[in-house]
Protein backbone atom coordinates (compact mmCIF):
# COMPACT_ATOMS: atom_id res chain seq x y z
CA MET A 1 -0.24 -0.39 0.26
CA ILE A 2 1.78 3.02 -0.97
CA GLY A 3 0.08 6.60 -0.09
CA PRO A 4 1.03 9.51 2.45
CA THR A 5 1.76 9.89 6.11
CA PRO A 6 -1.03 10.31 8.41
CA GLN A 7 -0.66 14.36 8.56
CA VAL A 8 -0.29 14.42 5.03
CA GLN A 9 -3.01 12.72 4.64
CA LYS A 10 -4.64 15.00 6.39
CA VAL A 11 -4.12 17.98 4.28
CA ILE A 12 -5.00 15.92 1.30
CA ASP A 13 -8.73 15.03 2.78
CA GLU A 14 -9.09 18.52 3.58
CA LEU A 15 -7.77 20.16 0.06
CA VAL A 16 -9.56 17.78 -1.92
CA ALA A 17 -12.93 18.52 0.07
CA ARG A 18 -12.46 22.42 -1.27
CA PHE A 19 -10.93 21.18 -4.35
CA PRO A 20 -12.61 18.05 -5.85
CA TRP A 21 -10.51 18.89 -9.06
CA LEU A 22 -7.31 18.19 -7.62
CA ARG A 23 -4.80 14.89 -8.39
CA THR A 24 -1.83 14.12 -5.36
CA GLY A 25 0.95 12.32 -6.06
CA PHE A 26 3.03 10.87 -2.72
CA PHE A 27 5.93 8.54 -3.19
CA ASN A 28 9.49 8.46 -4.88
CA CYS A 29 12.62 7.06 -3.42
CA ARG A 30 15.38 9.65 -4.40
CA ARG A 31 17.47 12.08 -3.59
CA ILE A 32 16.93 15.85 -4.06
CA GLY A 33 18.43 16.82 -7.42
CA GLY A 34 22.04 17.43 -7.23
CA SER A 35 21.66 16.94 -3.29
CA THR A 36 23.01 14.91 -1.13
CA ARG A 37 19.56 15.08 0.91
CA TRP A 38 16.85 13.03 1.03
CA SER A 39 13.40 14.16 -0.68
CA GLN A 40 10.43 14.21 2.00
CA HIS A 41 8.69 11.84 -1.01
CA ALA A 42 10.68 9.42 0.62
CA GLY A 43 9.58 8.82 3.96
CA SER A 44 7.96 6.08 5.19
CA GLU A 45 7.22 4.01 7.95
CA PRO A 46 6.75 -0.05 6.84
CA LYS A 47 5.19 -0.87 9.90
CA TYR A 48 2.07 0.78 9.37
CA GLN A 49 2.85 1.26 5.24
CA TRP A 50 3.29 4.83 5.21
CA TYR A 51 5.00 6.03 2.52
CA GLY A 52 5.85 9.70 1.33
CA ASN A 53 5.98 12.71 4.13
CA ALA A 54 5.27 14.89 0.97
CA GLY A 55 2.32 15.43 -1.36
CA ASP A 56 2.52 17.03 -4.72
CA LEU A 57 -1.09 18.96 -6.23
CA PHE A 58 -1.65 18.51 -9.76
CA ASP A 59 -4.26 20.71 -11.88
CA PRO A 60 -4.99 18.18 -14.29
CA ALA A 61 -6.71 20.69 -16.43
CA ASN A 62 -3.98 23.18 -16.40
CA SER A 63 -0.36 21.30 -16.64
CA TYR A 64 1.58 24.65 -15.79
CA GLY A 65 1.22 27.75 -13.81
CA SER A 66 -2.32 26.73 -13.20
CA PRO A 67 -4.42 30.05 -11.74
CA ARG A 68 -6.51 27.33 -10.22
CA LEU A 69 -2.81 26.00 -7.70
CA ASP A 70 -2.42 29.52 -6.97
CA GLN A 71 -5.44 29.21 -4.98
CA VAL A 72 -4.97 26.06 -3.36
CA CYS A 73 -0.99 27.69 -2.47
CA ALA A 74 -3.20 30.39 -0.75
CA TYR A 75 -4.90 28.41 0.97
CA LEU A 76 -2.21 26.62 2.02
CA ARG A 77 0.20 29.33 3.53
CA ARG A 78 -2.88 30.59 4.86
CA HIS A 79 -3.47 27.51 7.25
CA GLN A 80 0.41 26.63 7.64
CA LYS A 81 0.68 26.53 10.98
CA ARG A 82 -2.78 24.76 11.54
CA LEU A 83 -1.95 22.38 9.01
CA LYS A 84 1.87 21.47 10.44
CA ILE A 85 3.09 22.30 6.75
CA ARG A 86 6.93 22.40 6.58
CA THR A 87 7.42 23.19 3.10
CA ILE A 88 5.53 24.66 0.28
CA LEU A 89 6.94 25.03 -3.09
CA TRP A 90 5.28 26.70 -6.02
CA ARG A 91 6.32 28.53 -9.02
CA VAL A 92 9.89 27.97 -7.89
CA LYS A 93 12.84 25.58 -10.31
CA ASN A 94 11.16 22.25 -11.01
CA HIS A 95 7.48 23.24 -9.41
CA TYR A 96 6.00 25.32 -12.14
CA ASP A 97 3.24 22.37 -12.99
CA HIS A 98 2.83 21.59 -9.60
CA ILE A 99 2.91 22.50 -5.79
CA HIS A 100 5.09 20.35 -3.50
CA PHE A 101 4.09 20.45 0.45
CA ASP A 102 5.12 18.43 3.31
CA CYS A 103 4.85 18.23 7.41
CA TRP A 104 5.87 17.90 10.37
CA PRO A 105 7.20 15.95 11.68
CA ARG A 106 10.17 15.52 8.76
CA MET A 107 11.96 12.43 7.94
CA LYS A 108 15.57 12.73 8.47
CA ASP A 109 17.41 13.60 5.30
CA SER A 110 21.00 14.17 5.65
CA TRP A 111 23.62 12.62 3.30
CA ASN A 112 24.81 9.95 5.54
CA TYR A 113 21.33 8.63 6.31
CA ARG A 114 19.30 5.85 4.60
CA PRO A 115 15.44 6.22 4.94
CA PRO A 116 13.01 2.59 4.88
CA CYS A 117 12.85 2.77 1.20
CA LYS A 118 16.37 1.85 1.36
CA GLY A 119 16.13 -0.29 4.12
CA GLY A 120 17.49 1.97 6.72
CA LYS A 121 15.73 2.94 9.93
CA LEU A 122 12.75 5.51 9.92
CA VAL A 123 14.17 8.40 12.03
CA THR A 124 11.53 11.93 12.27
CA ILE A 125 12.09 15.00 13.61
CA ASP A 126 9.35 16.91 15.44
CA GLU A 127 9.01 20.97 14.86
CA ASP A 128 10.59 21.40 18.45
CA GLY A 129 13.28 19.31 17.70
CA THR A 130 12.41 16.08 19.58
CA ILE A 131 13.58 13.06 17.05
CA ARG A 132 11.42 9.52 16.85
CA ASN A 133 10.74 6.80 15.00
CA THR A 134 7.08 7.21 13.56
CA PHE A 135 5.48 9.93 11.63
CA ALA A 136 2.70 9.94 14.36
CA VAL A 137 2.38 12.28 17.04
CA ASP A 138 1.31 11.40 20.41
CA GLY A 139 -1.87 12.69 21.84
CA GLU A 140 -2.74 13.86 18.18
CA GLU A 141 -6.35 14.41 17.17
CA THR A 142 -7.89 13.21 21.05
CA GLU A 143 -11.04 15.40 20.72
CA VAL A 144 -13.71 14.44 19.43
CA GLU A 145 -13.78 15.37 15.19
CA TYR A 146 -17.53 16.10 15.04
CA ALA A 147 -20.96 16.81 16.32
CA GLN A 148 -24.72 17.60 15.29
CA ILE A 149 -27.85 18.46 17.27
CA GLY A 150 -28.33 16.57 20.74
CA ASP A 151 -24.12 16.48 21.45
CA GLN A 152 -23.10 17.95 24.44
CA GLY A 153 -20.23 18.65 26.23
CA ASN A 154 -17.12 20.70 25.50
CA THR A 155 -16.72 19.69 22.30
CA VAL A 156 -20.17 21.63 21.67
CA ALA A 157 -18.78 24.36 23.44
CA LYS A 158 -16.00 25.09 21.64
CA ILE A 159 -18.09 25.07 18.75
CA GLN A 160 -20.62 27.87 20.04
CA LYS A 161 -17.42 29.69 21.10
CA ALA A 162 -15.87 29.37 17.63
CA LEU A 163 -19.21 30.57 15.74
CA ASN A 164 -19.56 33.71 18.72
CA GLY A 165 -15.97 34.43 17.10
CA TYR A 166 -17.09 34.37 13.19
CA ARG A 167 -20.45 36.41 14.17
CA ALA A 168 -18.53 39.14 16.23
CA LYS A 169 -16.40 39.33 13.17
CA PHE A 170 -18.31 39.13 10.10
CA GLN A 171 -21.86 39.48 11.48
CA PRO A 172 -21.86 41.69 14.54
CA THR A 173 -25.72 42.24 14.49
CA LEU A 174 -26.13 38.87 14.89
CA PRO A 175 -27.03 37.91 18.91
CA LEU A 176 -24.32 35.50 20.25
CA LEU A 177 -25.34 32.22 21.07
CA ASP A 178 -25.06 31.05 24.84
CA VAL A 179 -22.04 28.94 25.27
CA ASP A 180 -23.55 26.04 27.78
CA GLY A 181 -22.48 22.51 25.69
CA ASP A 182 -25.53 21.42 23.94
CA PHE A 183 -26.06 21.66 20.15
CA GLY A 184 -29.79 22.69 20.06
CA PRO A 185 -31.52 24.29 17.53
CA LEU A 186 -30.21 28.04 17.94
CA THR A 187 -26.40 26.66 17.58
CA ARG A 188 -27.60 23.93 14.70
CA ASP A 189 -28.99 26.85 12.28
CA ALA A 190 -25.76 29.23 13.40
CA VAL A 191 -23.32 26.11 11.81
CA ILE A 192 -25.83 25.97 8.93
CA ALA A 193 -24.94 29.30 8.39
CA TYR A 194 -21.50 29.45 8.36
CA GLN A 195 -21.01 26.26 6.21
CA LYS A 196 -23.37 28.09 3.66
CA GLY A 197 -21.20 31.53 3.70
CA ALA A 198 -17.88 29.20 4.10
CA GLU A 199 -18.80 27.65 1.07
CA ILE A 200 -17.76 24.38 2.90
CA PRO A 201 -18.02 21.64 -0.32
CA ARG A 202 -20.15 18.37 0.53
CA TYR A 203 -21.13 19.36 3.72
CA ASP A 204 -23.98 17.64 5.69
CA PRO A 205 -26.08 20.88 7.13
CA GLY A 206 -25.58 21.37 10.96
CA VAL A 207 -23.63 18.85 11.03
CA VAL A 208 -20.10 19.70 11.86
CA GLY A 209 -17.95 17.61 10.65
CA GLN A 210 -14.50 17.43 10.35
CA LEU A 211 -13.54 19.88 7.82
CA THR A 212 -16.82 22.21 9.31
CA MET A 213 -14.88 21.88 12.61
CA SER A 214 -10.96 22.57 11.29
CA LEU A 215 -12.16 25.78 9.66
CA LEU A 216 -14.06 26.78 12.68
CA MET A 217 -11.38 26.64 15.20
CA GLU A 218 -9.63 29.76 13.52
CA PHE A 219 -12.59 31.63 15.23
CA VAL A 220 -12.12 30.95 18.89
CA GLN A 221 -9.79 33.52 19.04
CA ASP A 222 -11.68 35.66 18.43
CA TRP A 223 -14.74 35.41 20.93
CA ALA A 224 -13.56 35.05 24.41
CA ASP A 225 -15.77 34.97 27.90
CA PRO A 226 -16.94 37.92 29.44
CA PRO A 227 -15.04 38.31 32.78
CA SER A 228 -17.83 36.92 35.38
CA GLY A 229 -18.38 39.47 38.19
CA ASN A 230 -18.19 42.85 35.61
CA GLU A 231 -21.49 42.97 33.98
CA GLY A 232 -22.59 46.50 32.95
CA ILE A 233 -18.85 48.03 32.97
CA THR A 234 -18.64 50.47 29.90
CA SER A 235 -16.26 53.13 29.01
CA GLY A 236 -16.36 55.88 32.41
CA SER A 237 -17.00 53.37 34.75
CA VAL A 238 -14.90 53.08 37.97
CA VAL A 239 -13.73 50.47 38.59
CA HIS A 240 -11.78 49.20 42.41
CA VAL A 241 -9.81 46.00 42.56
CA ASP A 242 -8.70 44.70 45.88
CA GLY A 243 -6.43 41.75 45.75
CA ALA A 244 -3.99 40.48 48.19
CA GLY A 245 -2.05 42.68 49.14
CA PHE A 246 -2.91 45.83 46.59
CA GLU A 247 -5.36 47.91 45.84
CA ILE A 248 -6.18 49.34 42.27
CA THR A 249 -9.05 52.39 41.49
CA GLY A 250 -9.32 53.28 37.77
CA VAL A 251 -11.37 54.68 35.42
CA ILE A 252 -12.53 52.51 32.08
CA THR A 253 -11.68 54.10 29.05
CA GLU A 254 -11.69 52.97 25.15
CA THR A 255 -8.57 52.55 23.12
CA GLU A 256 -8.50 51.94 19.26
C-alpha cells in the first residue's frame, strides 16, 4: 500500500474536500536533484505501510502555472501552521507544474542517512527538535471531530465559541449564542449559516464534520467569555480591585 503519512493525509483530505478537482502524488525514493539530502517523498514507515511525507498537487486541466493552483497555494499558506506544514514550493524551479508540500514531523534527510525505502531505519524530527521513529504524534486528534444536534459537552461549547467568534467578526448584528455545551436548534442553525457562508463543499447541513470543525477553530480566539462579575461595565465606569496586598481604583477607557 503506497500513500501519504498521517499528517499529509489530513492535509489532502481537507484540500480535496475544498478543491475536488485536485490530483495528488506522494511517493518517490530519491535524493533531491544534485543534493545529498533525501526527498521528503521518500519518507516511509513499513510497519504501517506509510510512504511519502510530502504531497504533490496537480491541476489536471492545466499542467503549467495553473491559476487554480494559485488558490490552493494561498489556502495552504493561510493554514500552514494549523496543518503542520513545513515546506510549500510553487512557481519555483521544478515546481511550475505542481505544488509540493511536506509536513511535521519531517524525515531525517542528511547525506549519511538511509531511509526505510532503501532498507534503513525511520528517523523523524518534530518541530521542537524531538527525535522519534514514527510519523505519528502522541496525543494527536484526541478530541471528537464532529458534533450534531442533541450532542453535549466541551466540544460543543468550543464550537459555540467559534461560531460567536465568526459572528463577532463578520456578522456583528446577529446575537451571540449561549455557550452552554448543548447542541440545540440555535447552534444547528448557526452552523448551517456558517457552512453556507464559508462555501464548504460536500457538507451535511448542521453537522460539524472534520472540515467544518477545522475551519471553525480559526474563530475561537476571536471570542472570549465576558469577565464574571463585571456586567454593565462600560467606558467611563470606575472599577475598584481589592487584591492580595494591593488595591487599584481606575476608570475604564476605550482604546483604538
